[in-house]
Amino acid sequence: MSTNDCLFCKIVRGEIPCRKVYEDDEVLAFHDINPVAPVHFMLVPKLHLSTLDDAGEEHSALLGKMLLLAPRLAKEQGLENGFRTVINTGKGGGQEIFHLHIHVIGGGNIPPMVRRD
């Protein structure tokens, strides 16, 4: 998929509106349009990387920046008691939009990630 067709690239370029949480030169954070919890936003790099599998050593600073932003932005969104971060990688990992993104989810009753019967 080219960056011209990528949904998140279109959001980064301002072609599709979003409810911004944060933006700088490298990262955009915005609310998910289909939230699974009271707070659900995503952090996306402005650089198009299809999956976490496509990241290399040259992306270390960017990935670190995104992970360090997650708790700060979560607190700004009112998540004082914790939150979940999710990175789906590839079709087998449940990824639906092939532009690397980190979901930040919290508030309410968040079910366990894995059922333990």
PDB file of N, CA and C in Angstrom:
ATOM      1  N   MET A   1       0.850  -1.190   0.000  1.00  0.00           N
ATOM      2  CA  MET A   1       0.000   0.000   0.000  1.00  0.00           C
ATOM      3  C   MET A   1       0.887   1.242   0.000  1.00  0.00           C
ATOM      4  N   SER A   2       0.560   2.186  -0.826  1.00  0.00           N
ATOM      5  CA  SER A   2       1.333   3.423  -0.859  1.00  0.00           C
ATOM      6  C   SER A   2       0.838   4.363   0.230  1.00  0.00           C
ATOM      7  N   THR A   3       1.676   5.350   0.560  1.00  0.00           N
ATOM      8  CA  THR A   3       1.261   6.327   1.562  1.00  0.00           C
ATOM      9  C   THR A   3       0.089   7.162   1.066  1.00  0.00           C
ATOM     10  N   ASN A   4      -0.118   7.210  -0.256  1.00  0.00           N
ATOM     11  CA  ASN A   4      -1.271   7.937  -0.797  1.00  0.00           C
ATOM     12  C   ASN A   4      -2.583   7.271  -0.419  1.00  0.00           C
ATOM     13  N   ASP A   5      -2.567   5.932  -0.261  1.00  0.00           N
ATOM     14  CA  ASP A   5      -3.773   5.180   0.056  1.00  0.00           C
ATOM     15  C   ASP A   5      -3.935   4.895   1.544  1.00  0.00           C
ATOM     16  N   CYS A   6      -2.910   5.123   2.343  1.00  0.00           N
ATOM     17  CA  CYS A   6      -2.923   4.775   3.758  1.00  0.00           C
ATOM     18  C   CYS A   6      -3.832   5.731   4.543  1.00  0.00           C
ATOM     19  N   LEU A   7      -4.788   5.157   5.271  1.00  0.00           N
ATOM     20  CA  LEU A   7      -5.735   5.954   6.062  1.00  0.00           C
ATOM     21  C   LEU A   7      -5.015   6.856   7.056  1.00  0.00           C
ATOM     22  N   PHE A   8      -4.047   6.305   7.800  1.00  0.00           N
ATOM     23  CA  PHE A   8      -3.373   7.114   8.807  1.00  0.00           C
ATOM     24  C   PHE A   8      -2.463   8.166   8.181  1.00  0.00           C
ATOM     25  N   CYS A   9      -1.875   7.887   7.018  1.00  0.00           N
ATOM     26  CA  CYS A   9      -1.099   8.916   6.319  1.00  0.00           C
ATOM     27  C   CYS A   9      -2.005  10.073   5.906  1.00  0.00           C
ATOM     28  N   LYS A  10      -3.227   9.753   5.479  1.00  0.00           N
ATOM     29  CA  LYS A  10      -4.189  10.800   5.118  1.00  0.00           C
ATOM     30  C   LYS A  10      -4.555  11.634   6.334  1.00  0.00           C
ATOM     31  N   ILE A  11      -4.701  11.000   7.499  1.00  0.00           N
ATOM     32  CA  ILE A  11      -4.982  11.735   8.735  1.00  0.00           C
ATOM     33  C   ILE A  11      -3.787  12.610   9.092  1.00  0.00           C
ATOM     34  N   VAL A  12      -2.581  12.067   9.011  1.00  0.00           N
ATOM     35  CA  VAL A  12      -1.365  12.832   9.306  1.00  0.00           C
ATOM     36  C   VAL A  12      -1.264  14.061   8.400  1.00  0.00           C
ATOM     37  N   ARG A  13      -1.611  13.901   7.121  1.00  0.00           N
ATOM     38  CA  ARG A  13      -1.534  15.020   6.167  1.00  0.00           C
ATOM     39  C   ARG A  13      -2.697  16.004   6.316  1.00  0.00           C
ATOM     40  N   GLY A  14      -3.682  15.692   7.141  1.00  0.00           N
ATOM     41  CA  GLY A  14      -4.825  16.579   7.336  1.00  0.00           C
ATOM     42  C   GLY A  14      -5.917  16.404   6.294  1.00  0.00           C
ATOM     43  N   GLU A  15      -5.832  15.366   5.478  1.00  0.00           N
ATOM     44  CA  GLU A  15      -6.847  15.118   4.452  1.00  0.00           C
ATOM     45  C   GLU A  15      -8.121  14.522   5.043  1.00  0.00           C
ATOM     46  N   ILE A  16      -7.981  13.853   6.177  1.00  0.00           N
ATOM     47  CA  ILE A  16      -9.105  13.292   6.912  1.00  0.00           C
ATOM     48  C   ILE A  16      -9.037  13.882   8.316  1.00  0.00           C
ATOM     49  N   PRO A  17     -10.144  14.454   8.794  1.00  0.00           N
ATOM     50  CA  PRO A  17     -10.103  15.075  10.126  1.00  0.00           C
ATOM     51  C   PRO A  17     -10.000  14.029  11.236  1.00  0.00           C
ATOM     52  N   CYS A  18      -9.465  14.472  12.370  1.00  0.00           N
ATOM     53  CA  CYS A  18      -9.382  13.623  13.549  1.00  0.00           C
ATOM     54  C   CYS A  18      -9.535  14.505  14.779  1.00  0.00           C
ATOM     55  N   ARG A  19      -9.778  13.858  15.903  1.00  0.00           N
ATOM     56  CA  ARG A  19      -9.812  14.564  17.189  1.00  0.00           C
ATOM     57  C   ARG A  19      -8.441  14.395  17.825  1.00  0.00           C
ATOM     58  N   LYS A  20      -7.601  15.401  17.627  1.00  0.00           N
ATOM     59  CA  LYS A  20      -6.204  15.331  18.072  1.00  0.00           C
ATOM     60  C   LYS A  20      -6.077  15.333  19.581  1.00  0.00           C
ATOM     61  N   VAL A  21      -5.152  14.521  20.039  1.00  0.00           N
ATOM     62  CA  VAL A  21      -4.740  14.502  21.435  1.00  0.00           C
ATOM     63  C   VAL A  21      -3.394  15.205  21.558  1.00  0.00           C
ATOM     64  N   TYR A  22      -2.537  15.015  20.535  1.00  0.00           N
ATOM     65  CA  TYR A  22      -1.173  15.536  20.569  1.00  0.00           C
ATOM     66  C   TYR A  22      -0.615  15.540  19.151  1.00  0.00           C
ATOM     67  N   GLU A  23       0.272  16.510  18.890  1.00  0.00           N
ATOM     68  CA  GLU A  23       0.987  16.507  17.610  1.00  0.00           C
ATOM     69  C   GLU A  23       2.310  17.228  17.758  1.00  0.00           C
ATOM     70  N   ASP A  24       3.334  16.666  17.129  1.00  0.00           N
ATOM     71  CA  ASP A  24       4.616  17.344  16.971  1.00  0.00           C
ATOM     72  C   ASP A  24       5.147  16.995  15.580  1.00  0.00           C
ATOM     73  N   ASP A  25       6.409  17.218  15.324  1.00  0.00           N
ATOM     74  CA  ASP A  25       6.966  16.972  13.991  1.00  0.00           C
ATOM     75  C   ASP A  25       7.023  15.499  13.608  1.00  0.00           C
ATOM     76  N   GLU A  26       7.022  14.609  14.607  1.00  0.00           N
ATOM     77  CA  GLU A  26       7.215  13.184  14.330  1.00  0.00           C
ATOM     78  C   GLU A  26       6.017  12.293  14.644  1.00  0.00           C
ATOM     79  N   VAL A  27       5.132  12.763  15.508  1.00  0.00           N
ATOM     80  CA  VAL A  27       4.072  11.911  16.048  1.00  0.00           C
ATOM     81  C   VAL A  27       2.744  12.650  16.058  1.00  0.00           C
ATOM     82  N   LEU A  28       1.674  11.894  15.799  1.00  0.00           N
ATOM     83  CA  LEU A  28       0.310  12.399  15.935  1.00  0.00           C
ATOM     84  C   LEU A  28      -0.449  11.430  16.828  1.00  0.00           C
ATOM     85  N   ALA A  29      -1.197  11.951  17.781  1.00  0.00           N
ATOM     86  CA  ALA A  29      -2.068  11.122  18.614  1.00  0.00           C
ATOM     87  C   ALA A  29      -3.492  11.642  18.430  1.00  0.00           C
ATOM     88  N   PHE A  30      -4.420  10.708  18.258  1.00  0.00           N
ATOM     89  CA  PHE A  30      -5.821  11.100  18.049  1.00  0.00           C
ATOM     90  C   PHE A  30      -6.751  10.029  18.596  1.00  0.00           C
ATOM     91  N   HIS A  31      -7.973  10.448  18.910  1.00  0.00           N
ATOM     92  CA  HIS A  31      -8.978   9.541  19.453  1.00  0.00           C
ATOM     93  C   HIS A  31      -9.426   8.542  18.388  1.00  0.00           C
ATOM     94  N   ASP A  32      -9.610   7.293  18.816  1.00  0.00           N
ATOM     95  CA  ASP A  32     -10.108   6.239  17.937  1.00  0.00           C
ATOM     96  C   ASP A  32     -11.567   6.529  17.608  1.00  0.00           C
ATOM     97  N   ILE A  33     -11.963   6.327  16.353  1.00  0.00           N
ATOM     98  CA  ILE A  33     -13.357   6.595  15.968  1.00  0.00           C
ATOM     99  C   ILE A  33     -14.302   5.488  16.440  1.00  0.00           C
ATOM    100  N   ASN A  34     -13.762   4.332  16.806  1.00  0.00           N
ATOM    101  CA  ASN A  34     -14.560   3.226  17.358  1.00  0.00           C
ATOM    102  C   ASN A  34     -13.951   2.798  18.688  1.00  0.00           C
ATOM    103  N   PRO A  35     -14.088   3.643  19.720  1.00  0.00           N
ATOM    104  CA  PRO A  35     -13.414   3.344  20.989  1.00  0.00           C
ATOM    105  C   PRO A  35     -13.960   2.083  21.654  1.00  0.00           C
ATOM    106  N   VAL A  36     -13.061   1.356  22.307  1.00  0.00           N
ATOM    107  CA  VAL A  36     -13.439   0.154  23.048  1.00  0.00           C
ATOM    108  C   VAL A  36     -13.486   0.430  24.559  1.00  0.00           C
ATOM    109  N   ALA A  37     -13.202   1.676  24.940  1.00  0.00           N
ATOM    110  CA  ALA A  37     -13.198   2.083  26.343  1.00  0.00           C
ATOM    111  C   ALA A  37     -13.476   3.582  26.398  1.00  0.00           C
ATOM    112  N   PRO A  38     -13.766   4.113  27.591  1.00  0.00           N
ATOM    113  CA  PRO A  38     -14.018   5.557  27.700  1.00  0.00           C
ATOM    114  C   PRO A  38     -12.879   6.416  27.142  1.00  0.00           C
ATOM    115  N   VAL A  39     -11.643   5.972  27.307  1.00  0.00           N
ATOM    116  CA  VAL A  39     -10.498   6.649  26.694  1.00  0.00           C
ATOM    117  C   VAL A  39      -9.836   5.654  25.746  1.00  0.00           C
ATOM    118  N   HIS A  40      -9.714   6.036  24.495  1.00  0.00           N
ATOM    119  CA  HIS A  40      -9.072   5.182  23.493  1.00  0.00           C
ATOM    120  C   HIS A  40      -8.514   6.099  22.411  1.00  0.00           C
ATOM    121  N   PHE A  41      -7.206   6.251  22.436  1.00  0.00           N
ATOM    122  CA  PHE A  41      -6.554   7.048  21.395  1.00  0.00           C
ATOM    123  C   PHE A  41      -5.377   6.275  20.849  1.00  0.00           C
ATOM    124  N   MET A  42      -4.865   6.750  19.744  1.00  0.00           N
ATOM    125  CA  MET A  42      -3.743   6.098  19.080  1.00  0.00           C
ATOM    126  C   MET A  42      -2.601   7.065  18.890  1.00  0.00           C
ATOM    127  N   LEU A  43      -1.404   6.536  19.005  1.00  0.00           N
ATOM    128  CA  LEU A  43      -0.182   7.269  18.673  1.00  0.00           C
ATOM    129  C   LEU A  43       0.334   6.702  17.364  1.00  0.00           C
ATOM    130  N   VAL A  44       0.540   7.560  16.382  1.00  0.00           N
ATOM    131  CA  VAL A  44       1.068   7.104  15.098  1.00  0.00           C
ATOM    132  C   VAL A  44       2.289   7.934  14.728  1.00  0.00           C
ATOM    133  N   PRO A  45       3.300   7.284  14.178  1.00  0.00           N
ATOM    134  CA  PRO A  45       4.423   8.069  13.664  1.00  0.00           C
ATOM    135  C   PRO A  45       3.990   8.744  12.362  1.00  0.00           C
ATOM    136  N   LYS A  46       4.466   9.930  12.125  1.00  0.00           N
ATOM    137  CA  LYS A  46       4.152  10.594  10.852  1.00  0.00           C
ATOM    138  C   LYS A  46       4.871   9.892   9.700  1.00  0.00           C
ATOM    139  N   LEU A  47       5.988   9.281   9.997  1.00  0.00           N
ATOM    140  CA  LEU A  47       6.696   8.461   9.020  1.00  0.00           C
ATOM    141  C   LEU A  47       5.891   7.187   8.809  1.00  0.00           C
ATOM    142  N   HIS A  48       5.654   6.818   7.560  1.00  0.00           N
ATOM    143  CA  HIS A  48       4.895   5.597   7.304  1.00  0.00           C
ATOM    144  C   HIS A  48       5.769   4.367   7.525  1.00  0.00           C
ATOM    145  N   LEU A  49       5.393   3.585   8.515  1.00  0.00           N
ATOM    146  CA  LEU A  49       5.938   2.245   8.747  1.00  0.00           C
ATOM    147  C   LEU A  49       4.719   1.340   8.776  1.00  0.00           C
ATOM    148  N   SER A  50       4.668   0.337   7.939  1.00  0.00           N
ATOM    149  CA  SER A  50       3.475  -0.497   7.860  1.00  0.00           C
ATOM    150  C   SER A  50       3.193  -1.254   9.149  1.00  0.00           C
ATOM    151  N   THR A  51       4.242  -1.847   9.739  1.00  0.00           N
ATOM    152  CA  THR A  51       4.069  -2.629  10.960  1.00  0.00           C
ATOM    153  C   THR A  51       5.285  -2.447  11.855  1.00  0.00           C
ATOM    154  N   LEU A  52       5.171  -2.905  13.078  1.00  0.00           N
ATOM    155  CA  LEU A  52       6.317  -2.888  13.982  1.00  0.00           C
ATOM    156  C   LEU A  52       7.450  -3.734  13.411  1.00  0.00           C
ATOM    157  N   ASP A  53       7.093  -4.763  12.653  1.00  0.00           N
ATOM    158  CA  ASP A  53       8.085  -5.612  11.988  1.00  0.00           C
ATOM    159  C   ASP A  53       8.965  -4.829  11.009  1.00  0.00           C
ATOM    160  N   ASP A  54       8.474  -3.714  10.503  1.00  0.00           N
ATOM    161  CA  ASP A  54       9.219  -2.910   9.537  1.00  0.00           C
ATOM    162  C   ASP A  54      10.160  -1.904  10.200  1.00  0.00           C
ATOM    163  N   ALA A  55      10.082  -1.773  11.513  1.00  0.00           N
ATOM    164  CA  ALA A  55      10.944  -0.833  12.223  1.00  0.00           C
ATOM    165  C   ALA A  55      12.342  -1.428  12.370  1.00  0.00           C
ATOM    166  N   GLY A  56      13.323  -0.559  12.262  1.00  0.00           N
ATOM    167  CA  GLY A  56      14.717  -0.982  12.420  1.00  0.00           C
ATOM    168  C   GLY A  56      15.414  -0.121  13.452  1.00  0.00           C
ATOM    169  N   GLU A  57      16.704  -0.369  13.602  1.00  0.00           N
ATOM    170  CA  GLU A  57      17.515   0.403  14.558  1.00  0.00           C
ATOM    171  C   GLU A  57      17.376   1.906  14.325  1.00  0.00           C
ATOM    172  N   GLU A  58      17.242   2.298  13.063  1.00  0.00           N
ATOM    173  CA  GLU A  58      17.136   3.720  12.749  1.00  0.00           C
ATOM    174  C   GLU A  58      15.858   4.357  13.287  1.00  0.00           C
ATOM    175  N   HIS A  59      14.905   3.539  13.759  1.00  0.00           N
ATOM    176  CA  HIS A  59      13.640   4.045  14.293  1.00  0.00           C
ATOM    177  C   HIS A  59      13.595   4.001  15.824  1.00  0.00           C
ATOM    178  N   SER A  60      14.721   3.650  16.453  1.00  0.00           N
ATOM    179  CA  SER A  60      14.751   3.503  17.915  1.00  0.00           C
ATOM    180  C   SER A  60      14.287   4.753  18.655  1.00  0.00           C
ATOM    181  N   ALA A  61      14.789   5.901  18.262  1.00  0.00           N
ATOM    182  CA  ALA A  61      14.424   7.139  18.958  1.00  0.00           C
ATOM    183  C   ALA A  61      12.931   7.438  18.786  1.00  0.00           C
ATOM    184  N   LEU A  62      12.405   7.223  17.599  1.00  0.00           N
ATOM    185  CA  LEU A  62      10.986   7.468  17.342  1.00  0.00           C
ATOM    186  C   LEU A  62      10.113   6.538  18.174  1.00  0.00           C
ATOM    187  N   LEU A  63      10.451   5.255  18.200  1.00  0.00           N
ATOM    188  CA  LEU A  63       9.666   4.293  18.981  1.00  0.00           C
ATOM    189  C   LEU A  63       9.744   4.601  20.468  1.00  0.00           C
ATOM    190  N   GLY A  64      10.922   4.959  20.930  1.00  0.00           N
ATOM    191  CA  GLY A  64      11.082   5.339  22.332  1.00  0.00           C
ATOM    192  C   GLY A  64      10.257   6.567  22.675  1.00  0.00           C
ATOM    193  N   LYS A  65      10.277   7.538  21.801  1.00  0.00           N
ATOM    194  CA  LYS A  65       9.493   8.751  22.010  1.00  0.00           C
ATOM    195  C   LYS A  65       8.007   8.421  22.133  1.00  0.00           C
ATOM    196  N   MET A  66       7.515   7.549  21.248  1.00  0.00           N
ATOM    197  CA  MET A  66       6.099   7.183  21.277  1.00  0.00           C
ATOM    198  C   MET A  66       5.741   6.473  22.582  1.00  0.00           C
ATOM    199  N   LEU A  67       6.595   5.554  23.023  1.00  0.00           N
ATOM    200  CA  LEU A  67       6.306   4.836  24.265  1.00  0.00           C
ATOM    201  C   LEU A  67       6.364   5.753  25.477  1.00  0.00           C
ATOM    202  N   LEU A  68       7.254   6.734  25.463  1.00  0.00           N
ATOM    203  CA  LEU A  68       7.325   7.677  26.575  1.00  0.00           C
ATOM    204  C   LEU A  68       6.175   8.678  26.553  1.00  0.00           C
ATOM    205  N   LEU A  69       5.636   8.963  25.375  1.00  0.00           N
ATOM    206  CA  LEU A  69       4.477   9.852  25.279  1.00  0.00           C
ATOM    207  C   LEU A  69       3.205   9.190  25.816  1.00  0.00           C
ATOM    208  N   ALA A  70       3.101   7.885  25.659  1.00  0.00           N
ATOM    209  CA  ALA A  70       1.869   7.180  26.035  1.00  0.00           C
ATOM    210  C   ALA A  70       1.429   7.473  27.469  1.00  0.00           C
ATOM    211  N   PRO A  71       2.283   7.313  28.490  1.00  0.00           N
ATOM    212  CA  PRO A  71       1.808   7.584  29.850  1.00  0.00           C
ATOM    213  C   PRO A  71       1.487   9.050  30.098  1.00  0.00           C
ATOM    214  N   ARG A  72       2.256   9.943  29.510  1.00  0.00           N
ATOM    215  CA  ARG A  72       1.986  11.375  29.689  1.00  0.00           C
ATOM    216  C   ARG A  72       0.616  11.733  29.122  1.00  0.00           C
ATOM    217  N   LEU A  73       0.341  11.282  27.887  1.00  0.00           N
ATOM    218  CA  LEU A  73      -0.934  11.592  27.251  1.00  0.00           C
ATOM    219  C   LEU A  73      -2.086  10.870  27.947  1.00  0.00           C
ATOM    220  N   ALA A  74      -1.835   9.645  28.420  1.00  0.00           N
ATOM    221  CA  ALA A  74      -2.881   8.913  29.152  1.00  0.00           C
ATOM    222  C   ALA A  74      -3.303   9.702  30.391  1.00  0.00           C
ATOM    223  N   LYS A  75      -2.340  10.214  31.125  1.00  0.00           N
ATOM    224  CA  LYS A  75      -2.662  11.014  32.315  1.00  0.00           C
ATOM    225  C   LYS A  75      -3.409  12.278  31.933  1.00  0.00           C
ATOM    226  N   GLU A  76      -2.983  12.924  30.842  1.00  0.00           N
ATOM    227  CA  GLU A  76      -3.681  14.131  30.384  1.00  0.00           C
ATOM    228  C   GLU A  76      -5.132  13.834  30.001  1.00  0.00           C
ATOM    229  N   GLN A  77      -5.400  12.592  29.595  1.00  0.00           N
ATOM    230  CA  GLN A  77      -6.760  12.184  29.224  1.00  0.00           C
ATOM    231  C   GLN A  77      -7.539  11.653  30.433  1.00  0.00           C
ATOM    232  N   GLY A  78      -6.947  11.749  31.630  1.00  0.00           N
ATOM    233  CA  GLY A  78      -7.642  11.372  32.856  1.00  0.00           C
ATOM    234  C   GLY A  78      -7.396   9.965  33.346  1.00  0.00           C
ATOM    235  N   LEU A  79      -6.465   9.247  32.745  1.00  0.00           N
ATOM    236  CA  LEU A  79      -6.196   7.869  33.152  1.00  0.00           C
ATOM    237  C   LEU A  79      -5.140   7.850  34.253  1.00  0.00           C
ATOM    238  N   GLU A  80      -5.576   8.126  35.461  1.00  0.00           N
ATOM    239  CA  GLU A  80      -4.677   8.193  36.613  1.00  0.00           C
ATOM    240  C   GLU A  80      -4.387   6.826  37.214  1.00  0.00           C
ATOM    241  N   ASN A  81      -5.261   5.836  36.971  1.00  0.00           N
ATOM    242  CA  ASN A  81      -5.117   4.518  37.599  1.00  0.00           C
ATOM    243  C   ASN A  81      -4.534   3.463  36.672  1.00  0.00           C
ATOM    244  N   GLY A  82      -4.007   3.877  35.546  1.00  0.00           N
ATOM    245  CA  GLY A  82      -3.412   2.932  34.611  1.00  0.00           C
ATOM    246  C   GLY A  82      -4.129   2.898  33.277  1.00  0.00           C
ATOM    247  N   PHE A  83      -3.532   2.190  32.353  1.00  0.00           N
ATOM    248  CA  PHE A  83      -4.042   2.113  30.986  1.00  0.00           C
ATOM    249  C   PHE A  83      -3.404   0.914  30.315  1.00  0.00           C
ATOM    250  N   ARG A  84      -3.918   0.564  29.155  1.00  0.00           N
ATOM    251  CA  ARG A  84      -3.362  -0.533  28.364  1.00  0.00           C
ATOM    252  C   ARG A  84      -2.792   0.050  27.078  1.00  0.00           C
ATOM    253  N   THR A  85      -1.647  -0.482  26.660  1.00  0.00           N
ATOM    254  CA  THR A  85      -1.110  -0.153  25.345  1.00  0.00           C
ATOM    255  C   THR A  85      -1.155  -1.424  24.509  1.00  0.00           C
ATOM    256  N   VAL A  86      -1.514  -1.263  23.243  1.00  0.00           N
ATOM    257  CA  VAL A  86      -1.614  -2.400  22.338  1.00  0.00           C
ATOM    258  C   VAL A  86      -0.987  -2.012  21.006  1.00  0.00           C
ATOM    259  N   ILE A  87      -0.115  -2.886  20.503  1.00  0.00           N
ATOM    260  CA  ILE A  87       0.427  -2.739  19.154  1.00  0.00           C
ATOM    261  C   ILE A  87       0.127  -4.042  18.427  1.00  0.00           C
ATOM    262  N   ASN A  88      -0.824  -4.009  17.519  1.00  0.00           N
ATOM    263  CA  ASN A  88      -1.123  -5.179  16.699  1.00  0.00           C
ATOM    264  C   ASN A  88      -0.141  -5.180  15.534  1.00  0.00           C
ATOM    265  N   THR A  89       0.478  -6.320  15.276  1.00  0.00           N
ATOM    266  CA  THR A  89       1.499  -6.396  14.236  1.00  0.00           C
ATOM    267  C   THR A  89       1.161  -7.490  13.237  1.00  0.00           C
ATOM    268  N   GLY A  90       0.857  -7.084  12.007  1.00  0.00           N
ATOM    269  CA  GLY A  90       0.540  -8.023  10.935  1.00  0.00           C
ATOM    270  C   GLY A  90      -0.865  -8.591  11.049  1.00  0.00           C
ATOM    271  N   LYS A  91      -1.294  -9.226   9.971  1.00  0.00           N
ATOM    272  CA  LYS A  91      -2.630  -9.824   9.949  1.00  0.00           C
ATOM    273  C   LYS A  91      -2.831 -10.819  11.083  1.00  0.00           C
ATOM    274  N   GLY A  92      -1.815 -11.652  11.337  1.00  0.00           N
ATOM    275  CA  GLY A  92      -1.906 -12.642  12.403  1.00  0.00           C
ATOM    276  C   GLY A  92      -1.984 -12.027  13.787  1.00  0.00           C
ATOM    277  N   GLY A  93      -1.538 -10.782  13.923  1.00  0.00           N
ATOM    278  CA  GLY A  93      -1.598 -10.066  15.195  1.00  0.00           C
ATOM    279  C   GLY A  93      -2.818  -9.180  15.315  1.00  0.00           C
ATOM    280  N   GLY A  94      -3.722  -9.267  14.343  1.00  0.00           N
ATOM    281  CA  GLY A  94      -4.954  -8.485  14.401  1.00  0.00           C
ATOM    282  C   GLY A  94      -4.853  -7.077  13.846  1.00  0.00           C
ATOM    283  N   GLN A  95      -3.764  -6.749  13.164  1.00  0.00           N
ATOM    284  CA  GLN A  95      -3.621  -5.406  12.611  1.00  0.00           C
ATOM    285  C   GLN A  95      -4.588  -5.225  11.453  1.00  0.00           C
ATOM    286  N   GLU A  96      -5.330  -4.119  11.476  1.00  0.00           N
ATOM    287  CA  GLU A  96      -6.301  -3.823  10.422  1.00  0.00           C
ATOM    288  C   GLU A  96      -5.854  -2.688   9.521  1.00  0.00           C
ATOM    289  N   ILE A  97      -5.173  -1.703  10.087  1.00  0.00           N
ATOM    290  CA  ILE A  97      -4.656  -0.578   9.300  1.00  0.00           C
ATOM    291  C   ILE A  97      -3.140  -0.695   9.311  1.00  0.00           C
ATOM    292  N   PHE A  98      -2.566  -0.824   8.126  1.00  0.00           N
ATOM    293  CA  PHE A  98      -1.142  -1.103   8.024  1.00  0.00           C
ATOM    294  C   PHE A  98      -0.310   0.173   7.986  1.00  0.00           C
ATOM    295  N   HIS A  99      -0.344   0.851   9.127  1.00  0.00           N
ATOM    296  CA  HIS A  99       0.509   1.982   9.483  1.00  0.00           C
ATOM    297  C   HIS A  99       0.714   1.786  10.979  1.00  0.00           C
ATOM    298  N   LEU A 100       1.942   1.597  11.394  1.00  0.00           N
ATOM    299  CA  LEU A 100       2.240   1.344  12.798  1.00  0.00           C
ATOM    300  C   LEU A 100       1.473   2.303  13.696  1.00  0.00           C
ATOM    301  N   HIS A 101       0.846   1.767  14.733  1.00  0.00           N
ATOM    302  CA  HIS A 101       0.158   2.613  15.705  1.00  0.00           C
ATOM    303  C   HIS A 101       0.089   1.909  17.053  1.00  0.00           C
ATOM    304  N   ILE A 102       0.069   2.721  18.097  1.00  0.00           N
ATOM    305  CA  ILE A 102      -0.053   2.232  19.462  1.00  0.00           C
ATOM    306  C   ILE A 102      -1.409   2.674  19.988  1.00  0.00           C
ATOM    307  N   HIS A 103      -2.248   1.714  20.360  1.00  0.00           N
ATOM    308  CA  HIS A 103      -3.510   2.031  21.014  1.00  0.00           C
ATOM    309  C   HIS A 103      -3.228   2.293  22.490  1.00  0.00           C
ATOM    310  N   VAL A 104      -3.842   3.336  23.043  1.00  0.00           N
ATOM    311  CA  VAL A 104      -3.803   3.611  24.476  1.00  0.00           C
ATOM    312  C   VAL A 104      -5.257   3.577  24.930  1.00  0.00           C
ATOM    313  N   ILE A 105      -5.561   2.653  25.846  1.00  0.00           N
ATOM    314  CA  ILE A 105      -6.935   2.337  26.208  1.00  0.00           C
ATOM    315  C   ILE A 105      -7.062   2.352  27.729  1.00  0.00           C
ATOM    316  N   GLY A 106      -8.147   2.960  28.236  1.00  0.00           N
ATOM    317  CA  GLY A 106      -8.357   2.938  29.679  1.00  0.00           C
ATOM    318  C   GLY A 106      -9.677   3.537  30.088  1.00  0.00           C
ATOM    319  N   GLY A 107      -9.916   3.501  31.395  1.00  0.00           N
ATOM    320  CA  GLY A 107     -11.169   3.984  31.956  1.00  0.00           C
ATOM    321  C   GLY A 107     -12.198   2.866  31.974  1.00  0.00           C
ATOM    322  N   GLY A 108     -13.071   2.883  32.946  1.00  0.00           N
ATOM    323  CA  GLY A 108     -14.087   1.840  33.013  1.00  0.00           C
ATOM    324  C   GLY A 108     -13.471   0.499  33.385  1.00  0.00           C
ATOM    325  N   ASN A 109     -14.171  -0.566  33.067  1.00  0.00           N
ATOM    326  CA  ASN A 109     -13.693  -1.915  33.363  1.00  0.00           C
ATOM    327  C   ASN A 109     -13.048  -2.505  32.114  1.00  0.00           C
ATOM    328  N   ILE A 110     -11.742  -2.539  32.108  1.00  0.00           N
ATOM    329  CA  ILE A 110     -11.000  -3.100  30.995  1.00  0.00           C
ATOM    330  C   ILE A 110     -10.852  -4.595  31.256  1.00  0.00           C
ATOM    331  N   PRO A 111     -11.358  -5.435  30.363  1.00  0.00           N
ATOM    332  CA  PRO A 111     -11.239  -6.880  30.587  1.00  0.00           C
ATOM    333  C   PRO A 111      -9.786  -7.340  30.438  1.00  0.00           C
ATOM    334  N   PRO A 112      -9.456  -8.506  30.981  1.00  0.00           N
ATOM    335  CA  PRO A 112      -8.104  -9.018  30.795  1.00  0.00           C
ATOM    336  C   PRO A 112      -7.796  -9.216  29.331  1.00  0.00           C
ATOM    337  N   MET A 113      -6.526  -9.088  28.970  1.00  0.00           N
ATOM    338  CA  MET A 113      -6.122  -9.274  27.574  1.00  0.00           C
ATOM    339  C   MET A 113      -6.337 -10.727  27.137  1.00  0.00           C
ATOM    340  N   VAL A 114      -6.029 -11.641  28.021  1.00  0.00           N
ATOM    341  CA  VAL A 114      -6.141 -13.060  27.691  1.00  0.00           C
ATOM    342  C   VAL A 114      -7.051 -13.715  28.719  1.00  0.00           C
ATOM    343  N   ARG A 115      -8.032 -14.436  28.238  1.00  0.00           N
ATOM    344  CA  ARG A 115      -8.928 -15.138  29.161  1.00  0.00           C
ATOM    345  C   ARG A 115      -8.197 -16.267  29.851  1.00  0.00           C
ATOM    346  N   ARG A 116      -8.392 -16.351  31.127  1.00  0.00           N
ATOM    347  CA  ARG A 116      -7.805 -17.432  31.914  1.00  0.00           C
ATOM    348  C   ARG A 116      -8.958 -18.234  32.502  1.00  0.00           C
ATOM    349  N   ASP A 117      -9.252 -19.355  31.886  1.00  0.00           N
ATOM    350  CA  ASP A 117     -10.373 -20.196  32.349  1.00  0.00           C
ATOM    351  C   ASP A 117      -9.912 -21.242  33.338  1.00  0.00           C
TER     352      ASP A 117
END
